[in-house]
Amino acid sequence: QTFSIGFSDEGFDESKYARVIAERFETNHHEFEAKAADLEELEKAILAMGEPFADQSIIPTALVAMHTAKHVTVALSGDGGDELFGGYKRYRQLNLVHELENGGMLGLWKGLRRFSLGVERTVNPRRRHIGFPNGPVDEILSLPEPQRYLRLIGFFSPSQMEAIWPGGPGPAEIYSDLDRLRQGPEDYLEQLFQLDLLSYLPDDILYKVDIASMLHSLECRCPFLDHQLVECAVKVPAQWKVDKRSGKKILRDTFADLIPAEFFNRPKKGFSMPIGRWIREKWAPIFADAIETGLPPDFEKAYARRLLQDHLAGRRDSSNLLWALYVLAIWNRKFDPVWEA
């Protein structure tokens, strides 16, 4: 049997691809649709995490686990494949910046980007509000090495953190831990893979899947993390796994005769929800109330209000930031902890 969750928003929905795979391998396929009305289940999953956990994929993970548990007691997931075989886009982004920096090309890159964006703003009036720089690679170019990785896996930039929590703890301790976990491999890509295997995978992905599945008495197993496969994968050079255009190169080549080519050529979406649209259409009052009544006393509510107002007005997508603040507000209201900067 196979199980998949979908969304009415095509930008997030991958159920049609799951359906093709189910037909290809002739499985008994079950499909569910997540809706904004599932807010009660959302808060249940958030509180089950045992800490403020802002990875929004906990919600579709918990929802698919809830429906899957109605049919089976044990399920398999693909977790670990991205970390072992280079599936994340950030590997290519960070490696590009690293190569530019080592080649002394950072200044030239920044100049070219500013020029190209200036031309775009001139010829396309709708893009005149775009500032410099505006892309993920552009942003991490301005950060020192320890901060780049954290910026791509996190929600708030250093300046945003200072704006929302003035005088809060700085990121120095986090950066030192990240640097420690990277020690060993000489190759930069290998360092990124090791960092994910030792931190992001166990502390986010596996933790999330375990809590979400056991919340519904479902045991979830990860074949990619069989110790023999892991031991083999970490010996494969990182450059064999990631090229300039895509990741998971080994998996793509290995299963090319089993999986339709369209699956390999489509953009990676991740396992996330259309939270941005749901906030605008359904949840604006709930998020506004969370900001006013749930944030810790030292947090800057005026800044949080501006994030929500800008999001509702369509000036920028602040869904990830708002979701993180919402999760924190739920926890703060529920447990009323003592906050110390």
Protein backbone atom coordinates (compact mmCIF):
# COMPACT_ATOMS: atom_id res chain seq x y z
CA GLN A 1 0.00 0.00 0.00
CA THR A 2 1.08 3.60 -0.59
CA PHE A 3 -0.08 6.80 1.09
CA SER A 4 0.08 10.43 0.02
CA ILE A 5 -1.26 13.79 1.13
CA GLY A 6 -2.16 16.61 -1.23
CA PHE A 7 -3.23 20.25 -1.26
CA SER A 8 -5.66 22.23 -3.40
CA ASP A 9 -2.80 24.67 -4.08
CA GLU A 10 -0.89 23.24 -7.07
CA GLY A 11 2.28 24.98 -5.98
CA PHE A 12 2.50 22.56 -3.05
CA ASP A 13 0.57 19.55 -4.30
CA GLU A 14 2.55 16.50 -5.39
CA SER A 15 -0.27 13.98 -5.13
CA LYS A 16 -0.51 13.58 -8.90
CA TYR A 17 3.10 12.36 -8.98
CA ALA A 18 2.43 9.94 -6.14
CA ARG A 19 -0.56 8.67 -8.11
CA VAL A 20 1.61 7.97 -11.16
CA ILE A 21 4.13 6.03 -9.07
CA ALA A 22 1.32 4.06 -7.42
CA GLU A 23 -0.04 3.11 -10.83
CA ARG A 24 3.45 2.30 -12.09
CA PHE A 25 4.06 -0.20 -9.28
CA GLU A 26 0.40 -1.26 -8.94
CA THR A 27 0.01 -0.39 -5.27
CA ASN A 28 -3.18 0.00 -3.29
CA HIS A 29 -2.97 3.79 -3.11
CA HIS A 30 -4.58 6.06 -0.50
CA GLU A 31 -4.72 9.81 -0.99
CA PHE A 32 -5.77 12.55 1.43
CA GLU A 33 -6.13 16.31 1.15
CA ALA A 34 -4.95 18.71 3.84
CA LYS A 35 -7.09 21.78 4.46
CA ALA A 36 -6.79 24.97 6.47
CA ALA A 37 -9.65 23.69 8.61
CA ASP A 38 -7.27 21.11 10.12
CA LEU A 39 -5.99 23.74 12.59
CA GLU A 40 -6.93 21.65 15.64
CA GLU A 41 -4.79 18.78 14.35
CA LEU A 42 -2.04 21.29 13.64
CA GLU A 43 -1.90 22.54 17.22
CA LYS A 44 -2.03 18.96 18.52
CA ALA A 45 1.05 18.08 16.47
CA ILE A 46 2.86 21.28 17.49
CA LEU A 47 2.39 20.60 21.20
CA ALA A 48 3.35 16.93 20.79
CA MET A 49 6.86 17.93 19.72
CA GLY A 50 7.96 18.65 23.28
CA GLU A 51 9.49 22.02 22.35
CA PRO A 52 8.72 24.97 20.05
CA PHE A 53 9.39 23.31 16.70
CA ALA A 54 8.88 25.58 13.71
CA ASP A 55 9.47 23.11 10.86
CA GLN A 56 6.07 23.37 9.20
CA SER A 57 6.42 19.94 7.59
CA ILE A 58 5.46 18.48 10.98
CA ILE A 59 1.86 19.21 9.98
CA PRO A 60 1.56 17.28 6.68
CA THR A 61 3.72 14.56 8.27
CA ALA A 62 1.28 14.25 11.19
CA LEU A 63 -1.74 14.37 8.88
CA VAL A 64 -0.48 11.65 6.56
CA ALA A 65 0.47 9.57 9.62
CA MET A 66 -3.04 9.99 11.03
CA HIS A 67 -4.66 8.71 7.82
CA THR A 68 -2.05 6.00 7.23
CA ALA A 69 -2.55 4.61 10.74
CA LYS A 70 -6.16 3.80 9.81
CA HIS A 71 -4.85 1.17 7.38
CA VAL A 72 -1.46 -0.09 8.61
CA THR A 73 0.67 -0.10 11.75
CA VAL A 74 4.10 0.15 10.08
CA ALA A 75 5.08 2.43 7.18
CA LEU A 76 8.24 3.19 5.20
CA SER A 77 9.49 6.70 4.45
CA GLY A 78 12.24 8.11 2.24
CA ASP A 79 13.93 10.14 4.96
CA GLY A 80 17.71 10.17 4.75
CA GLY A 81 17.91 10.12 0.97
CA ASP A 82 18.57 13.86 0.66
CA GLU A 83 21.31 13.88 3.29
CA LEU A 84 23.08 10.77 1.99
CA PHE A 85 22.83 11.51 -1.73
CA GLY A 86 22.84 15.31 -1.97
CA GLY A 87 19.21 16.16 -2.61
CA TYR A 88 19.01 19.60 -1.04
CA LYS A 89 19.37 22.69 -3.20
CA ARG A 90 21.46 24.36 -0.50
CA TYR A 91 24.37 22.03 -1.29
CA ARG A 92 24.66 23.55 -4.75
CA GLN A 93 24.04 27.10 -3.50
CA LEU A 94 26.62 26.93 -0.73
CA ASN A 95 29.15 25.16 -2.93
CA LEU A 96 28.76 27.87 -5.59
CA VAL A 97 29.46 30.60 -3.04
CA HIS A 98 32.42 28.62 -1.70
CA GLU A 99 33.89 28.27 -5.20
CA LEU A 100 33.35 31.96 -5.96
CA GLU A 101 35.03 32.91 -2.72
CA ASN A 102 38.00 30.62 -3.21
CA GLY A 103 38.42 31.84 -6.78
CA GLY A 104 38.40 35.49 -5.77
CA MET A 105 35.24 36.08 -7.80
CA LEU A 106 32.84 37.32 -5.10
CA GLY A 107 33.22 40.99 -6.04
CA LEU A 108 32.63 40.29 -9.72
CA TRP A 109 29.57 38.15 -8.96
CA LYS A 110 28.03 40.84 -6.76
CA GLY A 111 28.66 43.47 -9.42
CA LEU A 112 27.08 41.38 -12.16
CA ARG A 113 24.07 40.59 -10.01
CA ARG A 114 23.51 44.24 -9.14
CA PHE A 115 23.80 45.18 -12.81
CA SER A 116 21.39 42.46 -13.99
CA LEU A 117 18.82 43.31 -11.33
CA GLY A 118 19.14 46.99 -12.18
CA VAL A 119 18.36 46.23 -15.82
CA GLU A 120 15.41 44.08 -14.76
CA ARG A 121 13.99 46.86 -12.62
CA THR A 122 14.36 49.32 -15.51
CA VAL A 123 12.65 47.22 -18.18
CA ASN A 124 10.02 45.68 -15.91
CA PRO A 125 8.17 48.28 -13.78
CA ARG A 126 6.54 45.52 -11.73
CA ARG A 127 9.98 44.56 -10.41
CA ARG A 128 10.99 48.05 -9.30
CA HIS A 129 10.32 47.23 -5.65
CA ILE A 130 12.97 44.48 -5.74
CA GLY A 131 16.02 45.44 -3.71
CA PHE A 132 19.68 44.41 -3.98
CA PRO A 133 20.45 41.62 -3.56
CA ASN A 134 17.32 39.46 -3.75
CA GLY A 135 18.28 35.80 -4.25
CA PRO A 136 19.41 33.07 -1.81
CA VAL A 137 22.92 32.97 -3.22
CA ASP A 138 23.11 36.78 -3.18
CA GLU A 139 22.09 36.94 0.47
CA ILE A 140 24.54 34.34 1.74
CA LEU A 141 27.32 36.08 -0.20
CA SER A 142 27.16 38.86 2.37
CA LEU A 143 27.45 36.48 5.34
CA PRO A 144 30.59 34.95 6.86
CA GLU A 145 31.07 31.22 6.36
CA PRO A 146 29.60 29.96 9.67
CA GLN A 147 26.35 31.85 9.08
CA ARG A 148 25.63 30.73 5.51
CA TYR A 149 24.44 27.22 6.25
CA LEU A 150 22.31 28.35 9.17
CA ARG A 151 20.69 31.08 7.06
CA LEU A 152 19.56 28.53 4.46
CA ILE A 153 18.05 26.10 6.96
CA GLY A 154 16.63 28.77 9.27
CA PHE A 155 13.87 31.35 8.99
CA PHE A 156 15.22 34.58 10.48
CA SER A 157 18.26 36.47 9.28
CA PRO A 158 20.54 37.93 11.98
CA SER A 159 18.99 41.37 11.48
CA GLN A 160 15.46 39.95 11.70
CA MET A 161 16.35 38.10 14.91
CA GLU A 162 17.59 41.33 16.44
CA ALA A 163 14.41 43.12 15.30
CA ILE A 164 12.02 40.55 16.77
CA TRP A 165 14.01 39.90 19.98
CA PRO A 166 16.16 42.95 20.79
CA GLY A 167 18.94 42.01 23.15
CA GLY A 168 18.26 38.30 22.78
CA PRO A 169 21.07 35.74 22.73
CA GLY A 170 23.38 35.94 19.75
CA PRO A 171 24.13 33.10 17.35
CA ALA A 172 27.78 32.61 18.38
CA GLU A 173 27.09 29.40 20.31
CA ILE A 174 25.18 27.89 17.39
CA TYR A 175 27.92 28.75 14.93
CA SER A 176 30.58 27.17 17.13
CA ASP A 177 28.56 23.95 17.33
CA LEU A 178 28.13 23.89 13.56
CA ASP A 179 31.84 24.39 13.02
CA ARG A 180 32.60 21.55 15.42
CA LEU A 181 30.27 19.16 13.60
CA ARG A 182 31.92 19.98 10.26
CA GLN A 183 35.39 19.00 11.40
CA GLY A 184 37.02 16.08 9.60
CA PRO A 185 36.43 16.12 5.85
CA GLU A 186 38.64 18.41 3.78
CA ASP A 187 36.14 18.71 0.92
CA TYR A 188 33.57 21.48 1.46
CA LEU A 189 30.62 19.47 0.14
CA GLU A 190 31.59 16.55 2.37
CA GLN A 191 31.51 18.94 5.32
CA LEU A 192 27.95 19.97 4.45
CA PHE A 193 26.82 16.35 4.14
CA GLN A 194 28.41 15.49 7.49
CA LEU A 195 26.79 18.52 9.11
CA ASP A 196 23.34 17.42 7.95
CA LEU A 197 23.90 13.80 8.95
CA LEU A 198 24.98 14.80 12.46
CA SER A 199 22.52 17.62 13.11
CA TYR A 200 19.70 18.38 10.68
CA LEU A 201 18.75 14.75 10.01
CA PRO A 202 18.56 13.47 13.62
CA ASP A 203 17.53 16.74 15.30
CA ASP A 204 14.87 17.84 12.80
CA ILE A 205 13.85 15.25 10.22
CA LEU A 206 13.93 12.01 12.23
CA TYR A 207 12.72 13.68 15.41
CA LYS A 208 9.75 15.14 13.54
CA VAL A 209 8.84 11.89 11.78
CA ASP A 210 9.11 9.85 14.98
CA ILE A 211 6.87 12.18 16.99
CA ALA A 212 4.33 12.68 14.19
CA SER A 213 4.00 8.95 13.48
CA MET A 214 3.91 7.75 17.09
CA LEU A 215 1.32 10.44 17.85
CA HIS A 216 -0.99 8.15 15.87
CA SER A 217 0.57 4.83 16.96
CA LEU A 218 2.24 4.36 13.58
CA GLU A 219 5.76 2.98 13.38
CA CYS A 220 7.77 4.63 10.63
CA ARG A 221 10.94 3.03 9.27
CA CYS A 222 13.54 4.60 6.97
CA PRO A 223 15.19 2.13 4.53
CA PHE A 224 17.72 4.74 3.39
CA LEU A 225 19.15 4.71 6.91
CA ASP A 226 19.98 1.01 6.98
CA HIS A 227 23.45 1.09 8.49
CA GLN A 228 25.02 -0.81 5.58
CA LEU A 229 23.61 1.65 3.05
CA VAL A 230 24.73 4.61 5.16
CA GLU A 231 28.24 3.19 5.53
CA CYS A 232 28.42 2.71 1.77
CA ALA A 233 26.95 6.13 0.89
CA VAL A 234 29.31 8.15 3.07
CA LYS A 235 32.28 6.60 1.26
CA VAL A 236 31.04 7.88 -2.12
CA PRO A 237 32.67 11.22 -3.08
CA ALA A 238 30.28 14.15 -2.73
CA GLN A 239 31.03 15.34 -6.26
CA TRP A 240 29.49 12.12 -7.59
CA LYS A 241 26.21 12.95 -5.87
CA VAL A 242 25.79 16.64 -6.77
CA ASP A 243 26.44 18.44 -10.04
CA LYS A 244 25.81 22.04 -11.10
CA ARG A 245 22.18 21.42 -12.02
CA SER A 246 20.80 18.83 -9.62
CA GLY A 247 21.37 16.57 -6.66
CA LYS A 248 20.84 12.86 -6.00
CA LYS A 249 22.72 12.13 -9.22
CA ILE A 250 23.50 8.54 -8.19
CA LEU A 251 19.87 7.80 -7.35
CA ARG A 252 18.67 9.40 -10.57
CA ASP A 253 21.05 7.30 -12.65
CA THR A 254 20.35 4.12 -10.69
CA PHE A 255 16.57 4.24 -11.03
CA ALA A 256 16.28 5.90 -14.45
CA ASP A 257 14.78 2.74 -15.96
CA LEU A 258 12.16 2.43 -13.20
CA ILE A 259 11.02 6.02 -12.63
CA PRO A 260 9.61 8.24 -15.43
CA ALA A 261 12.01 11.01 -16.50
CA GLU A 262 9.45 13.71 -15.63
CA PHE A 263 9.99 12.96 -11.94
CA PHE A 264 13.68 13.70 -12.14
CA ASN A 265 13.28 16.92 -14.13
CA ARG A 266 10.66 18.65 -12.00
CA PRO A 267 11.63 21.11 -9.23
CA LYS A 268 12.00 19.75 -5.72
CA LYS A 269 9.13 21.09 -3.59
CA GLY A 270 9.83 19.63 -0.19
CA PHE A 271 7.06 18.59 2.20
CA SER A 272 5.43 21.89 3.08
CA MET A 273 1.99 23.49 3.16
CA PRO A 274 0.43 26.56 1.49
CA ILE A 275 0.64 28.40 4.80
CA GLY A 276 1.05 31.76 3.09
CA ARG A 277 -2.32 31.49 1.37
CA TRP A 278 -4.02 29.99 4.43
CA ILE A 279 -2.85 32.89 6.58
CA ARG A 280 -4.30 35.38 4.09
CA GLU A 281 -7.59 33.53 3.55
CA LYS A 282 -8.34 31.82 6.86
CA TRP A 283 -5.88 32.35 9.67
CA ALA A 284 -5.15 36.08 9.80
CA PRO A 285 -7.23 36.68 12.99
CA ILE A 286 -5.67 33.63 14.67
CA PHE A 287 -2.14 34.75 13.89
CA ALA A 288 -2.90 38.33 14.91
CA ASP A 289 -4.21 37.09 18.26
CA ALA A 290 -1.13 34.89 18.72
CA ILE A 291 1.12 37.93 18.22
CA GLU A 292 -0.81 40.04 20.73
CA THR A 293 -1.38 37.44 23.45
CA GLY A 294 1.23 34.73 23.00
CA LEU A 295 4.66 36.16 22.26
CA PRO A 296 7.16 36.40 25.14
CA PRO A 297 7.35 39.82 26.84
CA ASP A 298 10.77 40.72 25.44
CA PHE A 299 9.69 40.17 21.84
CA GLU A 300 8.98 43.18 19.65
CA LYS A 301 5.28 42.87 18.82
CA ALA A 302 5.33 45.92 16.54
CA TYR A 303 7.80 44.15 14.25
CA ALA A 304 5.67 40.98 14.28
CA ARG A 305 2.60 43.04 13.40
CA ARG A 306 4.43 44.56 10.42
CA LEU A 307 5.39 41.09 9.22
CA LEU A 308 1.74 40.06 9.30
CA GLN A 309 0.50 43.28 7.68
CA ASP A 310 3.04 43.07 4.87
CA HIS A 311 2.14 39.44 4.29
CA LEU A 312 -1.60 40.11 4.18
CA ALA A 313 -1.04 43.02 1.78
CA GLY A 314 1.04 40.82 -0.52
CA ARG A 315 4.14 42.98 -0.18
CA ARG A 316 6.27 39.98 0.80
CA ASP A 317 5.88 36.35 1.78
CA SER A 318 6.51 36.18 5.53
CA SER A 319 4.79 32.83 6.02
CA ASN A 320 7.81 31.02 7.47
CA LEU A 321 8.55 33.82 9.92
CA LEU A 322 4.91 34.09 10.96
CA TRP A 323 4.63 30.33 11.38
CA ALA A 324 7.68 30.29 13.66
CA LEU A 325 6.20 33.09 15.77
CA TYR A 326 2.83 31.33 15.88
CA VAL A 327 4.40 28.09 17.13
CA LEU A 328 6.31 30.01 19.79
CA ALA A 329 3.16 31.86 20.84
CA ILE A 330 1.21 28.60 21.25
CA TRP A 331 3.94 27.24 23.48
CA ASN A 332 4.27 30.43 25.48
CA ARG A 333 0.53 30.56 26.18
CA LYS A 334 0.38 26.86 27.05
CA PHE A 335 3.36 26.60 29.38
CA ASP A 336 4.17 30.23 30.33
CA PRO A 337 7.94 29.67 30.67
CA VAL A 338 10.35 32.13 32.24
CA TRP A 339 12.22 33.96 29.46
CA GLU A 340 15.76 35.15 29.96
CA ALA A 341 17.90 36.89 27.35
